[in-house]
Amino acid sequence: MFFFRRPTNLPPDLRAHLDTPRVDGKRPWREVAYSVLDVETSGLDHRHDALLAIGLVEVEAGRVRLDRHWYSLVRPPAAMAVSTDSIRVHGLLRRELHHAPPPEEVLPELLRRLHGQVLVVHVATIDVRFINQALQQRYGVKLRHQVLDTARLAQSLSANERFISGRDETAPVQLRALAAQANLPVYGQHNALNDAITTAQLFLAQATRLEAQGYGTLRGLLRAGRA
């Protein structure tokens, strides 16, 4: 039998993260607290690229809590030169990243804010992979949160509605397209906080529709859109 050996000398927020039980999946989804996350990176390869910014907004009682948002730049490794192509996408300049807090400051604060919540991310494989890479490199741990992916929720909704209506329609994958399809506002793209807010609004619209289809609990949402 394999036993997990916890790294020693972890910051308190990481120890609390590892000790926190998962949220009960039987709870109605509106009674669960969520943190909606988005990141900006220097590229899409977590093995060679780095986190540059993290945006977070909370969802509580079926509402986006704009008063509980958080945004931080993340200083890339000194040896990494952020490419011009990357800057064109996210607009984060080298000089402001040079003065950003290092991952050793940002990651514990991130986990403190995620404490006891379910994580919601759009196309979660990318964002979560970068967070886990940064955590593993420095502390030897990974995120333990339950993760809902709004792209997967969109696919489940599309499949359910095709079954009900008989129409052959495929949901888009892009966040902007999904928000527009749901008649939701889209904030400036490629900004981690703006994209987190857009994702949070999309998640509420999706969860409400899934609830009407019988997915009224956290377990139901995880069945439809677990990352």
C-alpha atoms as a PDB file:
ATOM      1  CA  MET A   1       0.000   0.000   0.000  1.00  0.00           C
ATOM      2  CA  PHE A   2       1.285   3.472  -0.901  1.00  0.00           C
ATOM      3  CA  PHE A   3       1.195   6.198   1.741  1.00  0.00           C
ATOM      4  CA  PHE A   4       1.490   9.884   0.882  1.00  0.00           C
ATOM      5  CA  ARG A   5       4.422  11.496   2.692  1.00  0.00           C
ATOM      6  CA  ARG A   6       3.716  15.150   3.319  1.00  0.00           C
ATOM      7  CA  PRO A   7       6.606  17.534   2.680  1.00  0.00           C
ATOM      8  CA  THR A   8       7.942  19.158   5.829  1.00  0.00           C
ATOM      9  CA  ASN A   9       8.189  22.882   6.586  1.00  0.00           C
ATOM     10  CA  LEU A  10       5.179  23.845   4.488  1.00  0.00           C
ATOM     11  CA  PRO A  11       3.718  27.349   4.919  1.00  0.00           C
ATOM     12  CA  PRO A  12       0.598  27.344   7.160  1.00  0.00           C
ATOM     13  CA  ASP A  13      -1.774  27.988   4.241  1.00  0.00           C
ATOM     14  CA  LEU A  14      -0.463  24.929   2.400  1.00  0.00           C
ATOM     15  CA  ARG A  15      -0.800  22.763   5.511  1.00  0.00           C
ATOM     16  CA  ALA A  16      -4.387  23.971   5.947  1.00  0.00           C
ATOM     17  CA  HIS A  17      -5.062  23.207   2.286  1.00  0.00           C
ATOM     18  CA  LEU A  18      -3.876  19.604   2.673  1.00  0.00           C
ATOM     19  CA  ASP A  19      -5.923  19.140   5.856  1.00  0.00           C
ATOM     20  CA  THR A  20      -9.223  20.486   4.469  1.00  0.00           C
ATOM     21  CA  PRO A  21     -11.827  17.827   3.586  1.00  0.00           C
ATOM     22  CA  ARG A  22     -13.607  18.018   0.271  1.00  0.00           C
ATOM     23  CA  VAL A  23     -17.011  19.680   0.064  1.00  0.00           C
ATOM     24  CA  ASP A  24     -19.952  17.291   0.509  1.00  0.00           C
ATOM     25  CA  GLY A  25     -21.284  16.521  -2.968  1.00  0.00           C
ATOM     26  CA  LYS A  26     -24.824  15.986  -1.637  1.00  0.00           C
ATOM     27  CA  ARG A  27     -25.236  19.663  -0.846  1.00  0.00           C
ATOM     28  CA  PRO A  28     -27.456  21.753  -3.165  1.00  0.00           C
ATOM     29  CA  TRP A  29     -25.153  23.615  -5.504  1.00  0.00           C
ATOM     30  CA  ARG A  30     -26.391  27.027  -4.328  1.00  0.00           C
ATOM     31  CA  GLU A  31     -25.285  26.223  -0.757  1.00  0.00           C
ATOM     32  CA  VAL A  32     -21.686  25.651  -1.865  1.00  0.00           C
ATOM     33  CA  ALA A  33     -19.001  28.354  -1.985  1.00  0.00           C
ATOM     34  CA  TYR A  34     -16.959  28.572  -5.193  1.00  0.00           C
ATOM     35  CA  SER A  35     -13.793  30.335  -6.248  1.00  0.00           C
ATOM     36  CA  VAL A  36     -13.646  31.114  -9.958  1.00  0.00           C
ATOM     37  CA  LEU A  37     -10.081  31.316 -11.229  1.00  0.00           C
ATOM     38  CA  ASP A  38      -8.236  32.404 -14.341  1.00  0.00           C
ATOM     39  CA  VAL A  39      -4.522  32.724 -15.033  1.00  0.00           C
ATOM     40  CA  GLU A  40      -2.304  34.396 -17.578  1.00  0.00           C
ATOM     41  CA  THR A  41       0.920  32.643 -18.569  1.00  0.00           C
ATOM     42  CA  SER A  42       3.949  33.229 -20.763  1.00  0.00           C
ATOM     43  CA  GLY A  43       2.808  30.394 -23.061  1.00  0.00           C
ATOM     44  CA  LEU A  44       0.814  27.164 -23.055  1.00  0.00           C
ATOM     45  CA  ASP A  45       3.546  24.654 -22.153  1.00  0.00           C
ATOM     46  CA  HIS A  46       3.642  24.292 -18.361  1.00  0.00           C
ATOM     47  CA  ARG A  47       7.063  22.607 -18.592  1.00  0.00           C
ATOM     48  CA  HIS A  48       8.754  25.687 -20.052  1.00  0.00           C
ATOM     49  CA  ASP A  49       6.361  28.605 -19.466  1.00  0.00           C
ATOM     50  CA  ALA A  50       5.379  30.343 -16.231  1.00  0.00           C
ATOM     51  CA  LEU A  51       2.455  31.878 -14.386  1.00  0.00           C
ATOM     52  CA  LEU A  52       2.275  35.640 -14.867  1.00  0.00           C
ATOM     53  CA  ALA A  53      -1.051  36.613 -13.272  1.00  0.00           C
ATOM     54  CA  ILE A  54      -3.913  35.078 -11.281  1.00  0.00           C
ATOM     55  CA  GLY A  55      -7.459  36.423 -10.991  1.00  0.00           C
ATOM     56  CA  LEU A  56     -10.091  35.135  -8.588  1.00  0.00           C
ATOM     57  CA  VAL A  57     -13.703  35.981  -7.752  1.00  0.00           C
ATOM     58  CA  GLU A  58     -16.010  34.196  -5.313  1.00  0.00           C
ATOM     59  CA  VAL A  59     -19.509  32.844  -5.906  1.00  0.00           C
ATOM     60  CA  GLU A  60     -21.737  32.461  -2.853  1.00  0.00           C
ATOM     61  CA  ALA A  61     -25.454  31.622  -2.569  1.00  0.00           C
ATOM     62  CA  GLY A  62     -25.795  31.707  -6.348  1.00  0.00           C
ATOM     63  CA  ARG A  63     -24.314  35.202  -6.675  1.00  0.00           C
ATOM     64  CA  VAL A  64     -21.027  36.571  -7.959  1.00  0.00           C
ATOM     65  CA  ARG A  65     -19.362  38.397  -5.067  1.00  0.00           C
ATOM     66  CA  LEU A  66     -17.468  41.193  -6.778  1.00  0.00           C
ATOM     67  CA  ASP A  67     -16.510  42.484  -3.335  1.00  0.00           C
ATOM     68  CA  ARG A  68     -14.485  39.274  -2.893  1.00  0.00           C
ATOM     69  CA  HIS A  69     -12.144  39.426  -5.832  1.00  0.00           C
ATOM     70  CA  TRP A  70      -8.391  39.097  -5.925  1.00  0.00           C
ATOM     71  CA  TYR A  71      -5.766  39.743  -8.562  1.00  0.00           C
ATOM     72  CA  SER A  72      -2.008  39.347  -8.452  1.00  0.00           C
ATOM     73  CA  LEU A  73       0.835  39.437 -10.890  1.00  0.00           C
ATOM     74  CA  VAL A  74       3.423  36.669 -10.470  1.00  0.00           C
ATOM     75  CA  ARG A  75       7.117  37.265 -11.062  1.00  0.00           C
ATOM     76  CA  PRO A  76       8.500  34.837 -13.688  1.00  0.00           C
ATOM     77  CA  PRO A  77      11.911  33.171 -13.211  1.00  0.00           C
ATOM     78  CA  ALA A  78      14.836  35.553 -13.684  1.00  0.00           C
ATOM     79  CA  ALA A  79      16.159  33.472 -16.568  1.00  0.00           C
ATOM     80  CA  MET A  80      12.861  33.641 -18.479  1.00  0.00           C
ATOM     81  CA  ALA A  81      12.398  36.352 -21.096  1.00  0.00           C
ATOM     82  CA  VAL A  82       8.680  36.911 -21.677  1.00  0.00           C
ATOM     83  CA  SER A  83       8.260  36.936 -25.435  1.00  0.00           C
ATOM     84  CA  THR A  84       6.869  39.838 -27.448  1.00  0.00           C
ATOM     85  CA  ASP A  85       4.134  37.556 -28.801  1.00  0.00           C
ATOM     86  CA  SER A  86       3.083  36.745 -25.247  1.00  0.00           C
ATOM     87  CA  ILE A  87       2.988  40.426 -24.309  1.00  0.00           C
ATOM     88  CA  ARG A  88       0.740  41.129 -27.311  1.00  0.00           C
ATOM     89  CA  VAL A  89      -1.788  38.628 -25.916  1.00  0.00           C
ATOM     90  CA  HIS A  90      -1.976  39.613 -22.243  1.00  0.00           C
ATOM     91  CA  GLY A  91      -0.421  43.090 -22.228  1.00  0.00           C
ATOM     92  CA  LEU A  92       1.785  42.376 -19.210  1.00  0.00           C
ATOM     93  CA  LEU A  93       5.049  44.245 -19.645  1.00  0.00           C
ATOM     94  CA  ARG A  94       8.433  42.877 -18.568  1.00  0.00           C
ATOM     95  CA  ARG A  95       9.124  45.786 -16.222  1.00  0.00           C
ATOM     96  CA  GLU A  96       5.882  45.315 -14.239  1.00  0.00           C
ATOM     97  CA  LEU A  97       6.446  41.561 -14.038  1.00  0.00           C
ATOM     98  CA  HIS A  98       9.988  42.207 -12.786  1.00  0.00           C
ATOM     99  CA  HIS A  99       8.514  44.007  -9.759  1.00  0.00           C
ATOM    100  CA  ALA A 100       5.683  41.486  -9.182  1.00  0.00           C
ATOM    101  CA  PRO A 101       5.651  39.303  -6.044  1.00  0.00           C
ATOM    102  CA  PRO A 102       7.376  35.922  -6.449  1.00  0.00           C
ATOM    103  CA  PRO A 103       5.400  32.641  -6.527  1.00  0.00           C
ATOM    104  CA  GLU A 104       6.469  31.945  -2.922  1.00  0.00           C
ATOM    105  CA  GLU A 105       4.303  34.904  -1.848  1.00  0.00           C
ATOM    106  CA  VAL A 106       1.436  34.440  -4.292  1.00  0.00           C
ATOM    107  CA  LEU A 107       0.785  30.683  -3.993  1.00  0.00           C
ATOM    108  CA  PRO A 108       0.142  30.562  -0.220  1.00  0.00           C
ATOM    109  CA  GLU A 109      -2.187  33.562  -0.557  1.00  0.00           C
ATOM    110  CA  LEU A 110      -4.021  31.814  -3.399  1.00  0.00           C
ATOM    111  CA  LEU A 111      -4.556  28.691  -1.279  1.00  0.00           C
ATOM    112  CA  ARG A 112      -5.749  30.792   1.639  1.00  0.00           C
ATOM    113  CA  ARG A 113      -8.416  32.319  -0.580  1.00  0.00           C
ATOM    114  CA  LEU A 114      -9.413  28.932  -2.008  1.00  0.00           C
ATOM    115  CA  HIS A 115      -9.796  27.390   1.446  1.00  0.00           C
ATOM    116  CA  GLY A 116     -12.897  25.175   1.730  1.00  0.00           C
ATOM    117  CA  GLN A 117     -14.249  26.138  -1.686  1.00  0.00           C
ATOM    118  CA  VAL A 118     -14.914  24.387  -4.983  1.00  0.00           C
ATOM    119  CA  LEU A 119     -12.798  25.664  -7.850  1.00  0.00           C
ATOM    120  CA  VAL A 120     -14.387  26.773 -11.132  1.00  0.00           C
ATOM    121  CA  VAL A 121     -12.190  27.273 -14.209  1.00  0.00           C
ATOM    122  CA  HIS A 122     -12.756  27.548 -17.956  1.00  0.00           C
ATOM    123  CA  VAL A 123     -10.725  24.855 -19.774  1.00  0.00           C
ATOM    124  CA  ALA A 124      -9.325  23.837 -16.419  1.00  0.00           C
ATOM    125  CA  THR A 125      -6.601  21.537 -17.727  1.00  0.00           C
ATOM    126  CA  ILE A 126      -4.455  24.537 -18.678  1.00  0.00           C
ATOM    127  CA  ASP A 127      -4.899  26.740 -15.599  1.00  0.00           C
ATOM    128  CA  VAL A 128      -4.794  23.935 -13.049  1.00  0.00           C
ATOM    129  CA  ARG A 129      -1.732  22.405 -14.703  1.00  0.00           C
ATOM    130  CA  PHE A 130       0.197  25.665 -14.324  1.00  0.00           C
ATOM    131  CA  ILE A 131      -0.872  26.086 -10.685  1.00  0.00           C
ATOM    132  CA  ASN A 132       0.080  22.485  -9.904  1.00  0.00           C
ATOM    133  CA  GLN A 133       3.415  22.839 -11.659  1.00  0.00           C
ATOM    134  CA  ALA A 134       4.258  25.889  -9.562  1.00  0.00           C
ATOM    135  CA  LEU A 135       3.125  24.169  -6.338  1.00  0.00           C
ATOM    136  CA  GLN A 136       5.042  20.985  -7.088  1.00  0.00           C
ATOM    137  CA  GLN A 137       8.253  22.796  -7.983  1.00  0.00           C
ATOM    138  CA  ARG A 138       8.299  24.693  -4.698  1.00  0.00           C
ATOM    139  CA  TYR A 139       6.424  22.557  -2.173  1.00  0.00           C
ATOM    140  CA  GLY A 140       5.917  19.079  -3.656  1.00  0.00           C
ATOM    141  CA  VAL A 141       2.100  19.287  -3.439  1.00  0.00           C
ATOM    142  CA  LYS A 142      -0.867  19.716  -5.797  1.00  0.00           C
ATOM    143  CA  LEU A 143      -4.298  21.300  -5.553  1.00  0.00           C
ATOM    144  CA  ARG A 144      -6.767  19.047  -3.743  1.00  0.00           C
ATOM    145  CA  HIS A 145      -9.900  21.001  -4.669  1.00  0.00           C
ATOM    146  CA  GLN A 146     -12.870  19.649  -6.541  1.00  0.00           C
ATOM    147  CA  VAL A 147     -12.741  21.426  -9.914  1.00  0.00           C
ATOM    148  CA  LEU A 148     -15.621  22.320 -12.220  1.00  0.00           C
ATOM    149  CA  ASP A 149     -14.793  23.169 -15.827  1.00  0.00           C
ATOM    150  CA  THR A 150     -17.249  25.525 -17.553  1.00  0.00           C
ATOM    151  CA  ALA A 151     -16.158  24.197 -20.958  1.00  0.00           C
ATOM    152  CA  ARG A 152     -17.183  20.674 -19.873  1.00  0.00           C
ATOM    153  CA  LEU A 153     -20.426  21.998 -18.402  1.00  0.00           C
ATOM    154  CA  ALA A 154     -21.170  23.572 -21.790  1.00  0.00           C
ATOM    155  CA  GLN A 155     -20.604  20.231 -23.511  1.00  0.00           C
ATOM    156  CA  SER A 156     -22.929  18.452 -21.075  1.00  0.00           C
ATOM    157  CA  LEU A 157     -25.640  21.071 -21.555  1.00  0.00           C
ATOM    158  CA  SER A 158     -25.301  20.790 -25.320  1.00  0.00           C
ATOM    159  CA  ALA A 159     -25.540  16.988 -25.193  1.00  0.00           C
ATOM    160  CA  ASN A 160     -28.604  17.119 -22.910  1.00  0.00           C
ATOM    161  CA  GLU A 161     -30.375  19.626 -25.127  1.00  0.00           C
ATOM    162  CA  ARG A 162     -29.564  17.660 -28.296  1.00  0.00           C
ATOM    163  CA  PHE A 163     -31.154  14.618 -26.670  1.00  0.00           C
ATOM    164  CA  ILE A 164     -34.265  16.589 -25.678  1.00  0.00           C
ATOM    165  CA  SER A 165     -34.742  18.556 -28.900  1.00  0.00           C
ATOM    166  CA  GLY A 166     -33.225  16.207 -31.458  1.00  0.00           C
ATOM    167  CA  ARG A 167     -31.318  19.124 -32.984  1.00  0.00           C
ATOM    168  CA  ASP A 168     -27.679  18.562 -33.881  1.00  0.00           C
ATOM    169  CA  GLU A 169     -26.053  21.547 -32.194  1.00  0.00           C
ATOM    170  CA  THR A 170     -22.553  21.712 -30.750  1.00  0.00           C
ATOM    171  CA  ALA A 171     -21.618  24.177 -28.018  1.00  0.00           C
ATOM    172  CA  PRO A 172     -18.678  26.507 -28.667  1.00  0.00           C
ATOM    173  CA  VAL A 173     -15.639  26.128 -26.437  1.00  0.00           C
ATOM    174  CA  GLN A 174     -14.337  29.707 -26.293  1.00  0.00           C
ATOM    175  CA  LEU A 175     -15.310  31.643 -23.171  1.00  0.00           C
ATOM    176  CA  ARG A 176     -16.349  34.740 -25.121  1.00  0.00           C
ATOM    177  CA  ALA A 177     -18.573  32.721 -27.469  1.00  0.00           C
ATOM    178  CA  LEU A 178     -20.257  30.853 -24.607  1.00  0.00           C
ATOM    179  CA  ALA A 179     -20.910  34.094 -22.724  1.00  0.00           C
ATOM    180  CA  ALA A 180     -22.347  35.738 -25.836  1.00  0.00           C
ATOM    181  CA  GLN A 181     -24.535  32.677 -26.469  1.00  0.00           C
ATOM    182  CA  ALA A 182     -25.925  33.062 -22.931  1.00  0.00           C
ATOM    183  CA  ASN A 183     -26.484  36.828 -23.436  1.00  0.00           C
ATOM    184  CA  LEU A 184     -23.897  37.658 -20.779  1.00  0.00           C
ATOM    185  CA  PRO A 185     -21.485  40.603 -20.763  1.00  0.00           C
ATOM    186  CA  VAL A 186     -17.892  39.885 -21.754  1.00  0.00           C
ATOM    187  CA  TYR A 187     -15.188  41.922 -20.072  1.00  0.00           C
ATOM    188  CA  GLY A 188     -11.768  42.663 -21.520  1.00  0.00           C
ATOM    189  CA  GLN A 189     -10.161  39.385 -22.564  1.00  0.00           C
ATOM    190  CA  HIS A 190      -6.758  38.049 -21.533  1.00  0.00           C
ATOM    191  CA  ASN A 191      -6.915  39.784 -18.179  1.00  0.00           C
ATOM    192  CA  ALA A 192      -7.048  37.167 -15.428  1.00  0.00           C
ATOM    193  CA  LEU A 193      -9.591  38.987 -13.241  1.00  0.00           C
ATOM    194  CA  ASN A 194     -11.847  40.008 -16.145  1.00  0.00           C
ATOM    195  CA  ASP A 195     -11.891  36.441 -17.455  1.00  0.00           C
ATOM    196  CA  ALA A 196     -12.614  35.093 -13.967  1.00  0.00           C
ATOM    197  CA  ILE A 197     -15.655  37.387 -13.695  1.00  0.00           C
ATOM    198  CA  THR A 198     -16.907  36.349 -17.154  1.00  0.00           C
ATOM    199  CA  THR A 199     -16.411  32.688 -16.182  1.00  0.00           C
ATOM    200  CA  ALA A 200     -18.289  33.199 -12.892  1.00  0.00           C
ATOM    201  CA  GLN A 201     -21.317  34.655 -14.672  1.00  0.00           C
ATOM    202  CA  LEU A 202     -21.243  31.847 -17.228  1.00  0.00           C
ATOM    203  CA  PHE A 203     -21.032  29.253 -14.441  1.00  0.00           C
ATOM    204  CA  LEU A 204     -24.146  30.621 -12.724  1.00  0.00           C
ATOM    205  CA  ALA A 205     -26.094  30.525 -15.986  1.00  0.00           C
ATOM    206  CA  GLN A 206     -24.940  26.952 -16.652  1.00  0.00           C
ATOM    207  CA  ALA A 207     -25.646  25.713 -13.122  1.00  0.00           C
ATOM    208  CA  THR A 208     -29.153  27.206 -13.220  1.00  0.00           C
ATOM    209  CA  ARG A 209     -29.909  25.427 -16.504  1.00  0.00           C
ATOM    210  CA  LEU A 210     -28.463  22.141 -15.237  1.00  0.00           C
ATOM    211  CA  GLU A 211     -30.508  22.419 -12.049  1.00  0.00           C
ATOM    212  CA  ALA A 212     -33.658  22.508 -14.206  1.00  0.00           C
ATOM    213  CA  GLN A 213     -32.431  19.284 -15.866  1.00  0.00           C
ATOM    214  CA  GLY A 214     -32.057  17.484 -12.538  1.00  0.00           C
ATOM    215  CA  TYR A 215     -28.448  18.383 -11.628  1.00  0.00           C
ATOM    216  CA  GLY A 216     -29.287  20.288  -8.472  1.00  0.00           C
ATOM    217  CA  THR A 217     -26.426  19.214  -6.224  1.00  0.00           C
ATOM    218  CA  LEU A 218     -22.687  19.731  -6.275  1.00  0.00           C
ATOM    219  CA  ARG A 219     -22.358  16.047  -7.147  1.00  0.00           C
ATOM    220  CA  GLY A 220     -24.618  16.600 -10.131  1.00  0.00           C
ATOM    221  CA  LEU A 221     -22.522  19.504 -11.369  1.00  0.00           C
ATOM    222  CA  LEU A 222     -19.346  17.477 -10.913  1.00  0.00           C
ATOM    223  CA  ARG A 223     -20.914  14.655 -12.902  1.00  0.00           C
ATOM    224  CA  ALA A 224     -21.635  17.125 -15.698  1.00  0.00           C
ATOM    225  CA  GLY A 225     -18.415  19.123 -15.613  1.00  0.00           C
ATOM    226  CA  ARG A 226     -15.683  17.705 -13.413  1.00  0.00           C
ATOM    227  CA  ALA A 227     -12.207  18.646 -14.654  1.00  0.00           C
END
